[in-house]
Amino acid sequence: MRRRRKGAGPGRYFLLAFLVVLLAGALIASAAVGWVVKTANSAKPLSTYTPRNPGSLTQVFAADGKTRLGFIQNDELIDPVASDDFPDVLK
């Protein structure tokens, strides 16, 4: 009996294409994981950071200096400034 030689059927090409895509995906995934690990290792340790002080509320007074008009919320630190330090135009 003659043996029938298996030819390169369409199933073999699909399997080869699947393996190539799988290998490419594995390479991309490993590159992404390597980039994340490298970036995480190059960052400063969390213990070197200090908590952020959001600052306090700024009080706004009327021209008489006694009547409080309200507050202004600010995320930055605020230094009190005397009214003598403001320019006359601003006053």
PDB file of N, CA and C in Angstrom:
ATOM      1  N   MET A   1       0.826  -1.192   0.000  1.00  0.00           N
ATOM      2  CA  MET A   1       0.000   0.000   0.000  1.00  0.00           C
ATOM      3  C   MET A   1       0.869   1.254   0.000  1.00  0.00           C
ATOM      4  N   ARG A   2       0.379   2.164  -0.697  1.00  0.00           N
ATOM      5  CA  ARG A   2       1.095   3.423  -0.747  1.00  0.00           C
ATOM      6  C   ARG A   2       0.683   4.300   0.432  1.00  0.00           C
ATOM      7  N   ARG A   3       1.679   4.889   0.995  1.00  0.00           N
ATOM      8  CA  ARG A   3       1.369   5.825   2.064  1.00  0.00           C
ATOM      9  C   ARG A   3       0.997   7.161   1.447  1.00  0.00           C
ATOM     10  N   ARG A   4       0.022   7.712   2.025  1.00  0.00           N
ATOM     11  CA  ARG A   4      -0.411   9.006   1.518  1.00  0.00           C
ATOM     12  C   ARG A   4       0.361  10.090   2.252  1.00  0.00           C
ATOM     13  N   ARG A   5       0.995  10.933   1.523  1.00  0.00           N
ATOM     14  CA  ARG A   5       1.785  11.998   2.119  1.00  0.00           C
ATOM     15  C   ARG A   5       0.871  13.152   2.491  1.00  0.00           C
ATOM     16  N   LYS A   6       1.054  13.602   3.751  1.00  0.00           N
ATOM     17  CA  LYS A   6       0.226  14.727   4.199  1.00  0.00           C
ATOM     18  C   LYS A   6       0.771  16.007   3.594  1.00  0.00           C
ATOM     19  N   GLY A   7      -0.060  16.712   2.963  1.00  0.00           N
ATOM     20  CA  GLY A   7       0.340  17.976   2.368  1.00  0.00           C
ATOM     21  C   GLY A   7       0.097  19.117   3.337  1.00  0.00           C
ATOM     22  N   ALA A   8       0.516  20.261   2.948  1.00  0.00           N
ATOM     23  CA  ALA A   8       0.315  21.454   3.767  1.00  0.00           C
ATOM     24  C   ALA A   8      -1.100  21.957   3.539  1.00  0.00           C
ATOM     25  N   GLY A   9      -2.003  21.455   4.316  1.00  0.00           N
ATOM     26  CA  GLY A   9      -3.395  21.856   4.187  1.00  0.00           C
ATOM     27  C   GLY A   9      -3.668  23.178   4.874  1.00  0.00           C
ATOM     28  N   PRO A  10      -4.868  23.675   4.748  1.00  0.00           N
ATOM     29  CA  PRO A  10      -5.190  24.974   5.345  1.00  0.00           C
ATOM     30  C   PRO A  10      -5.112  24.947   6.872  1.00  0.00           C
ATOM     31  N   GLY A  11      -5.315  23.805   7.492  1.00  0.00           N
ATOM     32  CA  GLY A  11      -5.225  23.706   8.950  1.00  0.00           C
ATOM     33  C   GLY A  11      -3.832  24.004   9.464  1.00  0.00           C
ATOM     34  N   ARG A  12      -2.827  23.592   8.715  1.00  0.00           N
ATOM     35  CA  ARG A  12      -1.452  23.862   9.121  1.00  0.00           C
ATOM     36  C   ARG A  12      -1.141  25.359   9.077  1.00  0.00           C
ATOM     37  N   TYR A  13      -1.660  26.042   8.080  1.00  0.00           N
ATOM     38  CA  TYR A  13      -1.409  27.480   7.971  1.00  0.00           C
ATOM     39  C   TYR A  13      -2.104  28.244   9.090  1.00  0.00           C
ATOM     40  N   PHE A  14      -3.309  27.817   9.435  1.00  0.00           N
ATOM     41  CA  PHE A  14      -4.011  28.475  10.541  1.00  0.00           C
ATOM     42  C   PHE A  14      -3.264  28.256  11.851  1.00  0.00           C
ATOM     43  N   LEU A  15      -2.768  27.060  12.061  1.00  0.00           N
ATOM     44  CA  LEU A  15      -2.012  26.771  13.268  1.00  0.00           C
ATOM     45  C   LEU A  15      -0.730  27.586  13.305  1.00  0.00           C
ATOM     46  N   LEU A  16      -0.036  27.695  12.193  1.00  0.00           N
ATOM     47  CA  LEU A  16       1.183  28.492  12.128  1.00  0.00           C
ATOM     48  C   LEU A  16       0.890  29.963  12.381  1.00  0.00           C
ATOM     49  N   ALA A  17      -0.164  30.488  11.793  1.00  0.00           N
ATOM     50  CA  ALA A  17      -0.541  31.886  12.006  1.00  0.00           C
ATOM     51  C   ALA A  17      -0.915  32.123  13.464  1.00  0.00           C
ATOM     52  N   PHE A  18      -1.637  31.183  14.062  1.00  0.00           N
ATOM     53  CA  PHE A  18      -2.019  31.307  15.460  1.00  0.00           C
ATOM     54  C   PHE A  18      -0.788  31.328  16.361  1.00  0.00           C
ATOM     55  N   LEU A  19       0.181  30.480  16.088  1.00  0.00           N
ATOM     56  CA  LEU A  19       1.398  30.442  16.894  1.00  0.00           C
ATOM     57  C   LEU A  19       2.214  31.723  16.745  1.00  0.00           C
ATOM     58  N   VAL A  20       2.254  32.284  15.542  1.00  0.00           N
ATOM     59  CA  VAL A  20       2.979  33.537  15.320  1.00  0.00           C
ATOM     60  C   VAL A  20       2.311  34.674  16.091  1.00  0.00           C
ATOM     61  N   VAL A  21       0.983  34.756  16.038  1.00  0.00           N
ATOM     62  CA  VAL A  21       0.250  35.793  16.768  1.00  0.00           C
ATOM     63  C   VAL A  21       0.431  35.614  18.269  1.00  0.00           C
ATOM     64  N   LEU A  22       0.397  34.374  18.737  1.00  0.00           N
ATOM     65  CA  LEU A  22       0.580  34.093  20.151  1.00  0.00           C
ATOM     66  C   LEU A  22       1.976  34.498  20.608  1.00  0.00           C
ATOM     67  N   LEU A  23       2.978  34.212  19.828  1.00  0.00           N
ATOM     68  CA  LEU A  23       4.350  34.582  20.162  1.00  0.00           C
ATOM     69  C   LEU A  23       4.526  36.104  20.168  1.00  0.00           C
ATOM     70  N   ALA A  24       3.941  36.767  19.190  1.00  0.00           N
ATOM     71  CA  ALA A  24       4.030  38.232  19.140  1.00  0.00           C
ATOM     72  C   ALA A  24       3.333  38.849  20.356  1.00  0.00           C
ATOM     73  N   GLY A  25       2.184  38.314  20.742  1.00  0.00           N
ATOM     74  CA  GLY A  25       1.480  38.813  21.923  1.00  0.00           C
ATOM     75  C   GLY A  25       2.282  38.609  23.191  1.00  0.00           C
ATOM     76  N   ALA A  26       2.950  37.455  23.293  1.00  0.00           N
ATOM     77  CA  ALA A  26       3.787  37.186  24.470  1.00  0.00           C
ATOM     78  C   ALA A  26       4.965  38.148  24.534  1.00  0.00           C
ATOM     79  N   LEU A  27       5.558  38.468  23.391  1.00  0.00           N
ATOM     80  CA  LEU A  27       6.675  39.410  23.363  1.00  0.00           C
ATOM     81  C   LEU A  27       6.218  40.816  23.757  1.00  0.00           C
ATOM     82  N   ILE A  28       5.077  41.231  23.251  1.00  0.00           N
ATOM     83  CA  ILE A  28       4.557  42.564  23.586  1.00  0.00           C
ATOM     84  C   ILE A  28       4.208  42.637  25.067  1.00  0.00           C
ATOM     85  N   ALA A  29       3.585  41.596  25.597  1.00  0.00           N
ATOM     86  CA  ALA A  29       3.225  41.577  27.013  1.00  0.00           C
ATOM     87  C   ALA A  29       4.465  41.612  27.896  1.00  0.00           C
ATOM     88  N   SER A  30       5.492  40.858  27.541  1.00  0.00           N
ATOM     89  CA  SER A  30       6.711  40.866  28.353  1.00  0.00           C
ATOM     90  C   SER A  30       7.425  42.210  28.268  1.00  0.00           C
ATOM     91  N   ALA A  31       7.380  42.858  27.116  1.00  0.00           N
ATOM     92  CA  ALA A  31       7.976  44.189  26.989  1.00  0.00           C
ATOM     93  C   ALA A  31       7.220  45.201  27.850  1.00  0.00           C
ATOM     94  N   ALA A  32       5.905  45.106  27.878  1.00  0.00           N
ATOM     95  CA  ALA A  32       5.104  46.014  28.698  1.00  0.00           C
ATOM     96  C   ALA A  32       5.383  45.801  30.182  1.00  0.00           C
ATOM     97  N   VAL A  33       5.462  44.560  30.609  1.00  0.00           N
ATOM     98  CA  VAL A  33       5.764  44.267  32.011  1.00  0.00           C
ATOM     99  C   VAL A  33       7.165  44.767  32.358  1.00  0.00           C
ATOM    100  N   GLY A  34       8.114  44.580  31.483  1.00  0.00           N
ATOM    101  CA  GLY A  34       9.462  45.080  31.719  1.00  0.00           C
ATOM    102  C   GLY A  34       9.508  46.585  31.849  1.00  0.00           C
ATOM    103  N   TRP A  35       8.746  47.289  31.012  1.00  0.00           N
ATOM    104  CA  TRP A  35       8.700  48.753  31.079  1.00  0.00           C
ATOM    105  C   TRP A  35       8.095  49.201  32.401  1.00  0.00           C
ATOM    106  N   VAL A  36       7.020  48.553  32.854  1.00  0.00           N
ATOM    107  CA  VAL A  36       6.378  48.921  34.121  1.00  0.00           C
ATOM    108  C   VAL A  36       7.337  48.687  35.287  1.00  0.00           C
ATOM    109  N   VAL A  37       8.027  47.559  35.293  1.00  0.00           N
ATOM    110  CA  VAL A  37       8.967  47.261  36.369  1.00  0.00           C
ATOM    111  C   VAL A  37      10.126  48.255  36.369  1.00  0.00           C
ATOM    112  N   LYS A  38      10.640  48.582  35.196  1.00  0.00           N
ATOM    113  CA  LYS A  38      11.743  49.546  35.097  1.00  0.00           C
ATOM    114  C   LYS A  38      11.308  50.918  35.588  1.00  0.00           C
ATOM    115  N   THR A  39      10.115  51.352  35.208  1.00  0.00           N
ATOM    116  CA  THR A  39       9.607  52.650  35.625  1.00  0.00           C
ATOM    117  C   THR A  39       9.366  52.679  37.132  1.00  0.00           C
ATOM    118  N   ALA A  40       8.813  51.597  37.682  1.00  0.00           N
ATOM    119  CA  ALA A  40       8.547  51.544  39.119  1.00  0.00           C
ATOM    120  C   ALA A  40       9.844  51.550  39.918  1.00  0.00           C
ATOM    121  N   ASN A  41      10.882  50.891  39.422  1.00  0.00           N
ATOM    122  CA  ASN A  41      12.153  50.856  40.139  1.00  0.00           C
ATOM    123  C   ASN A  41      12.904  52.176  40.065  1.00  0.00           C
ATOM    124  N   SER A  42      12.648  52.992  39.050  1.00  0.00           N
ATOM    125  CA  SER A  42      13.355  54.261  38.913  1.00  0.00           C
ATOM    126  C   SER A  42      12.689  55.384  39.706  1.00  0.00           C
ATOM    127  N   ALA A  43      11.517  55.152  40.254  1.00  0.00           N
ATOM    128  CA  ALA A  43      10.809  56.187  41.007  1.00  0.00           C
ATOM    129  C   ALA A  43      11.384  56.300  42.422  1.00  0.00           C
ATOM    130  N   LYS A  44      11.181  57.474  43.030  1.00  0.00           N
ATOM    131  CA  LYS A  44      11.612  57.668  44.401  1.00  0.00           C
ATOM    132  C   LYS A  44      10.730  56.834  45.325  1.00  0.00           C
ATOM    133  N   PRO A  45      11.253  56.389  46.470  1.00  0.00           N
ATOM    134  CA  PRO A  45      10.413  55.644  47.410  1.00  0.00           C
ATOM    135  C   PRO A  45       9.295  56.522  47.960  1.00  0.00           C
ATOM    136  N   LEU A  46       8.177  55.926  48.251  1.00  0.00           N
ATOM    137  CA  LEU A  46       7.032  56.684  48.756  1.00  0.00           C
ATOM    138  C   LEU A  46       7.321  57.331  50.103  1.00  0.00           C
ATOM    139  N   SER A  47       8.246  56.781  50.868  1.00  0.00           N
ATOM    140  CA  SER A  47       8.549  57.334  52.185  1.00  0.00           C
ATOM    141  C   SER A  47       9.227  58.701  52.095  1.00  0.00           C
ATOM    142  N   THR A  48       9.764  59.066  50.938  1.00  0.00           N
ATOM    143  CA  THR A  48      10.417  60.369  50.795  1.00  0.00           C
ATOM    144  C   THR A  48       9.414  61.496  50.562  1.00  0.00           C
ATOM    145  N   TYR A  49       8.189  61.171  50.230  1.00  0.00           N
ATOM    146  CA  TYR A  49       7.179  62.200  49.988  1.00  0.00           C
ATOM    147  C   TYR A  49       6.530  62.618  51.298  1.00  0.00           C
ATOM    148  N   THR A  50       6.149  63.867  51.365  1.00  0.00           N
ATOM    149  CA  THR A  50       5.459  64.371  52.554  1.00  0.00           C
ATOM    150  C   THR A  50       4.014  64.681  52.183  1.00  0.00           C
ATOM    151  N   PRO A  51       3.110  64.610  53.146  1.00  0.00           N
ATOM    152  CA  PRO A  51       1.711  64.932  52.842  1.00  0.00           C
ATOM    153  C   PRO A  51       1.569  66.397  52.434  1.00  0.00           C
ATOM    154  N   ARG A  52       0.652  66.649  51.566  1.00  0.00           N
ATOM    155  CA  ARG A  52       0.428  68.003  51.057  1.00  0.00           C
ATOM    156  C   ARG A  52      -0.501  68.747  51.998  1.00  0.00           C
ATOM    157  N   ASN A  53      -0.087  69.940  52.398  1.00  0.00           N
ATOM    158  CA  ASN A  53      -0.927  70.790  53.239  1.00  0.00           C
ATOM    159  C   ASN A  53      -1.767  71.664  52.322  1.00  0.00           C
ATOM    160  N   PRO A  54      -3.083  71.486  52.313  1.00  0.00           N
ATOM    161  CA  PRO A  54      -3.900  72.237  51.366  1.00  0.00           C
ATOM    162  C   PRO A  54      -4.025  73.716  51.695  1.00  0.00           C
ATOM    163  N   GLY A  55      -3.488  74.158  52.828  1.00  0.00           N
ATOM    164  CA  GLY A  55      -3.614  75.563  53.186  1.00  0.00           C
ATOM    165  C   GLY A  55      -4.905  75.809  53.932  1.00  0.00           C
ATOM    166  N   SER A  56      -5.081  77.009  54.328  1.00  0.00           N
ATOM    167  CA  SER A  56      -6.286  77.341  55.084  1.00  0.00           C
ATOM    168  C   SER A  56      -7.180  78.242  54.242  1.00  0.00           C
ATOM    169  N   LEU A  57      -8.314  78.569  54.807  1.00  0.00           N
ATOM    170  CA  LEU A  57      -9.248  79.448  54.116  1.00  0.00           C
ATOM    171  C   LEU A  57      -8.782  80.891  54.241  1.00  0.00           C
ATOM    172  N   THR A  58      -8.970  81.663  53.198  1.00  0.00           N
ATOM    173  CA  THR A  58      -8.670  83.084  53.224  1.00  0.00           C
ATOM    174  C   THR A  58      -9.947  83.831  53.569  1.00  0.00           C
ATOM    175  N   GLN A  59      -9.846  84.680  54.585  1.00  0.00           N
ATOM    176  CA  GLN A  59     -11.011  85.478  54.969  1.00  0.00           C
ATOM    177  C   GLN A  59     -11.017  86.768  54.156  1.00  0.00           C
ATOM    178  N   VAL A  60     -12.193  87.150  53.698  1.00  0.00           N
ATOM    179  CA  VAL A  60     -12.350  88.388  52.933  1.00  0.00           C
ATOM    180  C   VAL A  60     -13.178  89.350  53.775  1.00  0.00           C
ATOM    181  N   PHE A  61     -12.612  90.542  54.019  1.00  0.00           N
ATOM    182  CA  PHE A  61     -13.281  91.546  54.850  1.00  0.00           C
ATOM    183  C   PHE A  61     -13.715  92.728  53.999  1.00  0.00           C
ATOM    184  N   ALA A  62     -14.699  93.444  54.488  1.00  0.00           N
ATOM    185  CA  ALA A  62     -15.180  94.658  53.817  1.00  0.00           C
ATOM    186  C   ALA A  62     -14.163  95.773  54.034  1.00  0.00           C
ATOM    187  N   ALA A  63     -14.426  96.936  53.441  1.00  0.00           N
ATOM    188  CA  ALA A  63     -13.503  98.069  53.518  1.00  0.00           C
ATOM    189  C   ALA A  63     -13.301  98.548  54.954  1.00  0.00           C
ATOM    190  N   ASP A  64     -14.307  98.363  55.820  1.00  0.00           N
ATOM    191  CA  ASP A  64     -14.148  98.812  57.204  1.00  0.00           C
ATOM    192  C   ASP A  64     -13.199  97.913  58.003  1.00  0.00           C
ATOM    193  N   GLY A  65     -12.886  96.723  57.471  1.00  0.00           N
ATOM    194  CA  GLY A  65     -11.952  95.821  58.119  1.00  0.00           C
ATOM    195  C   GLY A  65     -12.554  94.971  59.211  1.00  0.00           C
ATOM    196  N   LYS A  66     -13.836  95.160  59.518  1.00  0.00           N
ATOM    197  CA  LYS A  66     -14.471  94.405  60.596  1.00  0.00           C
ATOM    198  C   LYS A  66     -15.518  93.423  60.087  1.00  0.00           C
ATOM    199  N   THR A  67     -16.213  93.798  59.028  1.00  0.00           N
ATOM    200  CA  THR A  67     -17.280  92.955  58.496  1.00  0.00           C
ATOM    201  C   THR A  67     -16.675  91.894  57.583  1.00  0.00           C
ATOM    202  N   ARG A  68     -16.903  90.654  57.969  1.00  0.00           N
ATOM    203  CA  ARG A  68     -16.376  89.559  57.150  1.00  0.00           C
ATOM    204  C   ARG A  68     -17.373  89.262  56.034  1.00  0.00           C
ATOM    205  N   LEU A  69     -16.864  89.273  54.790  1.00  0.00           N
ATOM    206  CA  LEU A  69     -17.716  89.018  53.633  1.00  0.00           C
ATOM    207  C   LEU A  69     -17.782  87.535  53.282  1.00  0.00           C
ATOM    208  N   GLY A  70     -16.734  86.796  53.585  1.00  0.00           N
ATOM    209  CA  GLY A  70     -16.746  85.375  53.250  1.00  0.00           C
ATOM    210  C   GLY A  70     -15.365  84.784  53.288  1.00  0.00           C
ATOM    211  N   PHE A  71     -15.249  83.589  52.674  1.00  0.00           N
ATOM    212  CA  PHE A  71     -13.992  82.855  52.645  1.00  0.00           C
ATOM    213  C   PHE A  71     -13.668  82.461  51.209  1.00  0.00           C
ATOM    214  N   ILE A  72     -12.399  82.294  50.937  1.00  0.00           N
ATOM    215  CA  ILE A  72     -11.947  81.806  49.635  1.00  0.00           C
ATOM    216  C   ILE A  72     -11.144  80.538  49.879  1.00  0.00           C
ATOM    217  N   GLN A  73     -11.564  79.448  49.240  1.00  0.00           N
ATOM    218  CA  GLN A  73     -10.850  78.180  49.348  1.00  0.00           C
ATOM    219  C   GLN A  73      -9.717  78.170  48.345  1.00  0.00           C
ATOM    220  N   ASN A  74      -8.535  77.758  48.790  1.00  0.00           N
ATOM    221  CA  ASN A  74      -7.389  77.710  47.905  1.00  0.00           C
ATOM    222  C   ASN A  74      -6.603  76.447  48.215  1.00  0.00           C
ATOM    223  N   ASP A  75      -6.060  75.790  47.196  1.00  0.00           N
ATOM    224  CA  ASP A  75      -5.286  74.569  47.394  1.00  0.00           C
ATOM    225  C   ASP A  75      -3.814  74.844  47.662  1.00  0.00           C
ATOM    226  N   GLU A  76      -3.407  76.071  47.646  1.00  0.00           N
ATOM    227  CA  GLU A  76      -2.012  76.414  47.891  1.00  0.00           C
ATOM    228  C   GLU A  76      -1.881  77.070  49.258  1.00  0.00           C
ATOM    229  N   LEU A  77      -0.670  77.040  49.791  1.00  0.00           N
ATOM    230  CA  LEU A  77      -0.440  77.677  51.084  1.00  0.00           C
ATOM    231  C   LEU A  77      -0.636  79.176  50.961  1.00  0.00           C
ATOM    232  N   ILE A  78      -1.166  79.770  52.015  1.00  0.00           N
ATOM    233  CA  ILE A  78      -1.501  81.190  51.988  1.00  0.00           C
ATOM    234  C   ILE A  78      -0.715  81.892  53.086  1.00  0.00           C
ATOM    235  N   ASP A  79      -0.058  82.976  52.734  1.00  0.00           N
ATOM    236  CA  ASP A  79       0.655  83.795  53.712  1.00  0.00           C
ATOM    237  C   ASP A  79      -0.150  85.067  53.949  1.00  0.00           C
ATOM    238  N   PRO A  80      -0.460  85.381  55.211  1.00  0.00           N
ATOM    239  CA  PRO A  80      -1.189  86.624  55.491  1.00  0.00           C
ATOM    240  C   PRO A  80      -0.356  87.840  55.094  1.00  0.00           C
ATOM    241  N   VAL A  81      -1.018  88.828  54.537  1.00  0.00           N
ATOM    242  CA  VAL A  81      -0.357  90.057  54.103  1.00  0.00           C
ATOM    243  C   VAL A  81      -1.101  91.223  54.724  1.00  0.00           C
ATOM    244  N   ALA A  82      -0.350  92.137  55.308  1.00  0.00           N
ATOM    245  CA  ALA A  82      -0.971  93.326  55.910  1.00  0.00           C
ATOM    246  C   ALA A  82      -1.487  94.246  54.812  1.00  0.00           C
ATOM    247  N   SER A  83      -2.512  95.021  55.142  1.00  0.00           N
ATOM    248  CA  SER A  83      -3.107  95.902  54.128  1.00  0.00           C
ATOM    249  C   SER A  83      -2.151  97.010  53.719  1.00  0.00           C
ATOM    250  N   ASP A  84      -1.175  97.313  54.555  1.00  0.00           N
ATOM    251  CA  ASP A  84      -0.199  98.346  54.191  1.00  0.00           C
ATOM    252  C   ASP A  84       0.707  97.876  53.057  1.00  0.00           C
ATOM    253  N   ASP A  85       0.810  96.578  52.853  1.00  0.00           N
ATOM    254  CA  ASP A  85       1.657  96.041  51.789  1.00  0.00           C
ATOM    255  C   ASP A  85       0.993  96.079  50.419  1.00  0.00           C
ATOM    256  N   PHE A  86      -0.327  96.308  50.375  1.00  0.00           N
ATOM    257  CA  PHE A  86      -1.039  96.377  49.098  1.00  0.00           C
ATOM    258  C   PHE A  86      -0.846  97.748  48.470  1.00  0.00           C
ATOM    259  N   PRO A  87      -0.775  97.831  47.150  1.00  0.00           N
ATOM    260  CA  PRO A  87      -0.713  99.136  46.486  1.00  0.00           C
ATOM    261  C   PRO A  87      -2.023  99.899  46.696  1.00  0.00           C
ATOM    262  N   ASP A  88      -1.937 101.226  46.642  1.00  0.00           N
ATOM    263  CA  ASP A  88      -3.136 102.062  46.837  1.00  0.00           C
ATOM    264  C   ASP A  88      -4.180 101.802  45.770  1.00  0.00           C
ATOM    265  N   VAL A  89      -3.755 101.518  44.553  1.00  0.00           N
ATOM    266  CA  VAL A  89      -4.690 101.253  43.463  1.00  0.00           C
ATOM    267  C   VAL A  89      -5.521 100.015  43.758  1.00  0.00           C
ATOM    268  N   LEU A  90      -4.903  99.015  44.355  1.00  0.00           N
ATOM    269  CA  LEU A  90      -5.591  97.783  44.671  1.00  0.00           C
ATOM    270  C   LEU A  90      -6.571  97.959  45.824  1.00  0.00           C
ATOM    271  N   LYS A  91      -6.187  98.824  46.773  1.00  0.00           N
ATOM    272  CA  LYS A  91      -7.058  99.061  47.932  1.00  0.00           C
ATOM    273  C   LYS A  91      -8.342  99.706  47.458  1.00  0.00           C
TER     274      LYS A  91
END
